[in-house]
């Protein structure tokens, strides 16, 4: 899968193997309805400095990214039946404030919800 941040479809992500997701140039975190992380790609592992072993099987909003457990991110997943939003965000946990774009994906018939994370580069 050689897609840009804005072009990836949730159905493609859900069907992709680990190698395909790892090859994406932006972070990908997938989690179940009850918030357990099942997908954590190599790009996000490198950018966040967290190994897959520390993230997979953990609760996304409580243990992995409590900085996203708020109305801007977590609440959107709870409130929406389907979701495909891109929002500017600043990551603050375990790092200096890092501006990013988040893409929040949730769809009917897809057991995994996704947060895509694209770090902004200085121009």
Protein backbone atom coordinates (compact mmCIF):
# COMPACT_ATOMS: atom_id res chain seq x y z
CA UNK A 1 0.00 0.00 0.00
CA UNK A 2 1.66 3.19 -1.17
CA UNK A 3 -0.89 5.79 -0.11
CA UNK A 4 -0.71 9.28 1.23
CA UNK A 5 -2.07 10.18 4.67
CA UNK A 6 -5.26 11.67 3.20
CA UNK A 7 -5.85 8.82 0.72
CA UNK A 8 -5.82 5.71 2.90
CA UNK A 9 -9.18 4.03 3.34
CA UNK A 10 -10.13 2.27 6.55
CA UNK A 11 -11.13 -0.86 4.65
CA UNK A 12 -7.62 -1.07 3.14
CA UNK A 13 -5.97 -0.65 6.53
CA UNK A 14 -8.17 -3.29 8.12
CA UNK A 15 -7.22 -5.84 5.42
CA UNK A 16 -3.51 -4.96 5.29
CA UNK A 17 -0.80 -7.12 6.77
CA UNK A 18 1.83 -5.86 9.16
CA UNK A 19 4.44 -5.38 6.41
CA UNK A 20 2.11 -3.16 4.37
CA UNK A 21 1.18 -1.03 7.38
CA UNK A 22 4.81 -0.83 8.50
CA UNK A 23 5.77 0.55 5.07
CA UNK A 24 3.50 3.60 5.40
CA UNK A 25 5.38 6.88 5.96
CA UNK A 26 3.06 7.99 8.79
CA UNK A 27 2.04 6.48 12.11
CA UNK A 28 -0.81 3.98 12.24
CA UNK A 29 -2.43 2.80 15.46
CA UNK A 30 -5.44 0.50 15.31
CA UNK A 31 -7.56 -0.47 18.29
CA UNK A 32 -10.66 -2.50 19.06
CA UNK A 33 -14.08 -1.23 20.11
CA UNK A 34 -12.97 -1.51 23.74
CA UNK A 35 -9.73 0.42 23.08
CA UNK A 36 -7.15 -2.38 22.96
CA UNK A 37 -4.30 -1.69 20.52
CA UNK A 38 -4.02 -4.36 17.81
CA UNK A 39 -2.08 -2.44 15.12
CA UNK A 40 1.04 -0.35 15.75
CA UNK A 41 3.24 0.33 12.76
CA UNK A 42 7.00 0.75 12.53
CA UNK A 43 6.81 4.45 11.64
CA UNK A 44 4.87 5.28 14.79
CA UNK A 45 7.13 3.06 16.89
CA UNK A 46 10.19 4.96 15.63
CA UNK A 47 8.58 8.40 15.98
CA UNK A 48 7.14 7.81 19.45
CA UNK A 49 10.08 5.79 20.74
CA UNK A 50 7.79 2.99 21.96
CA UNK A 51 8.28 -0.62 20.92
CA UNK A 52 5.33 -2.65 19.68
CA UNK A 53 5.76 -4.89 22.75
CA UNK A 54 5.00 -1.89 25.00
CA UNK A 55 1.91 -0.89 23.01
CA UNK A 56 0.15 -3.92 21.55
CA UNK A 57 -2.52 -5.32 23.87
CA UNK A 58 -2.67 -2.13 25.93
CA UNK A 59 -5.62 0.27 26.20
CA UNK A 60 -5.00 3.10 23.72
CA UNK A 61 -6.56 6.02 25.58
CA UNK A 62 -5.60 4.95 29.11
CA UNK A 63 -2.13 3.40 28.74
CA UNK A 64 -0.65 4.36 25.34
CA UNK A 65 -1.92 7.85 24.56
CA UNK A 66 -3.68 9.39 27.56
CA UNK A 67 -2.97 12.79 25.94
CA UNK A 68 -5.67 11.84 23.38
CA UNK A 69 -8.24 10.81 26.00
CA UNK A 70 -10.27 13.98 25.56
CA UNK A 71 -13.17 15.51 23.62
CA UNK A 72 -11.01 16.16 20.54
CA UNK A 73 -10.07 12.52 19.95
CA UNK A 74 -11.55 9.83 22.23
CA UNK A 75 -14.96 11.44 22.45
CA UNK A 76 -15.23 11.66 18.65
CA UNK A 77 -14.86 7.89 18.41
CA UNK A 78 -17.59 7.45 21.04
CA UNK A 79 -19.99 9.96 19.49
CA UNK A 80 -19.75 9.05 15.79
CA UNK A 81 -21.19 6.06 13.98
CA UNK A 82 -18.64 6.62 11.22
CA UNK A 83 -15.64 8.90 11.30
CA UNK A 84 -13.06 10.23 8.86
CA UNK A 85 -11.70 13.49 10.25
CA UNK A 86 -8.32 15.17 9.98
CA UNK A 87 -7.49 17.47 12.86
CA UNK A 88 -4.41 19.45 13.88
CA UNK A 89 -3.10 18.27 17.23
CA UNK A 90 -0.12 18.61 19.55
CA UNK A 91 1.30 15.47 21.12
CA UNK A 92 2.66 16.08 24.61
CA UNK A 93 3.14 12.73 26.33
CA UNK A 94 6.75 11.57 26.88
CA UNK A 95 8.06 14.16 24.43
CA UNK A 96 8.40 17.85 23.84
CA UNK A 97 5.18 19.26 22.30
CA UNK A 98 5.03 17.89 18.77
CA UNK A 99 2.58 19.34 16.20
CA UNK A 100 0.90 16.64 14.12
CA UNK A 101 -2.13 15.96 12.02
CA UNK A 102 -4.36 13.18 13.25
CA UNK A 103 -6.72 11.28 11.01
CA UNK A 104 -9.47 9.54 12.93
CA UNK A 105 -11.10 6.58 11.17
CA UNK A 106 -14.10 4.51 12.20
CA UNK A 107 -16.55 2.66 9.92
CA UNK A 108 -19.55 0.34 10.13
CA UNK A 109 -18.50 -3.24 9.62
CA UNK A 110 -14.90 -2.59 10.61
CA UNK A 111 -13.89 -3.97 14.00
CA UNK A 112 -10.77 -1.80 14.16
CA UNK A 113 -10.68 1.94 14.63
CA UNK A 114 -7.58 3.83 13.52
CA UNK A 115 -5.62 6.92 14.42
CA UNK A 116 -3.15 7.97 11.73
CA UNK A 117 -0.42 10.36 12.84
CA UNK A 118 1.47 12.58 10.44
CA UNK A 119 4.27 14.65 11.92
CA UNK A 120 4.49 18.13 10.51
CA UNK A 121 7.78 19.09 8.99
CA UNK A 122 9.27 22.55 9.20
CA UNK A 123 9.20 24.44 5.89
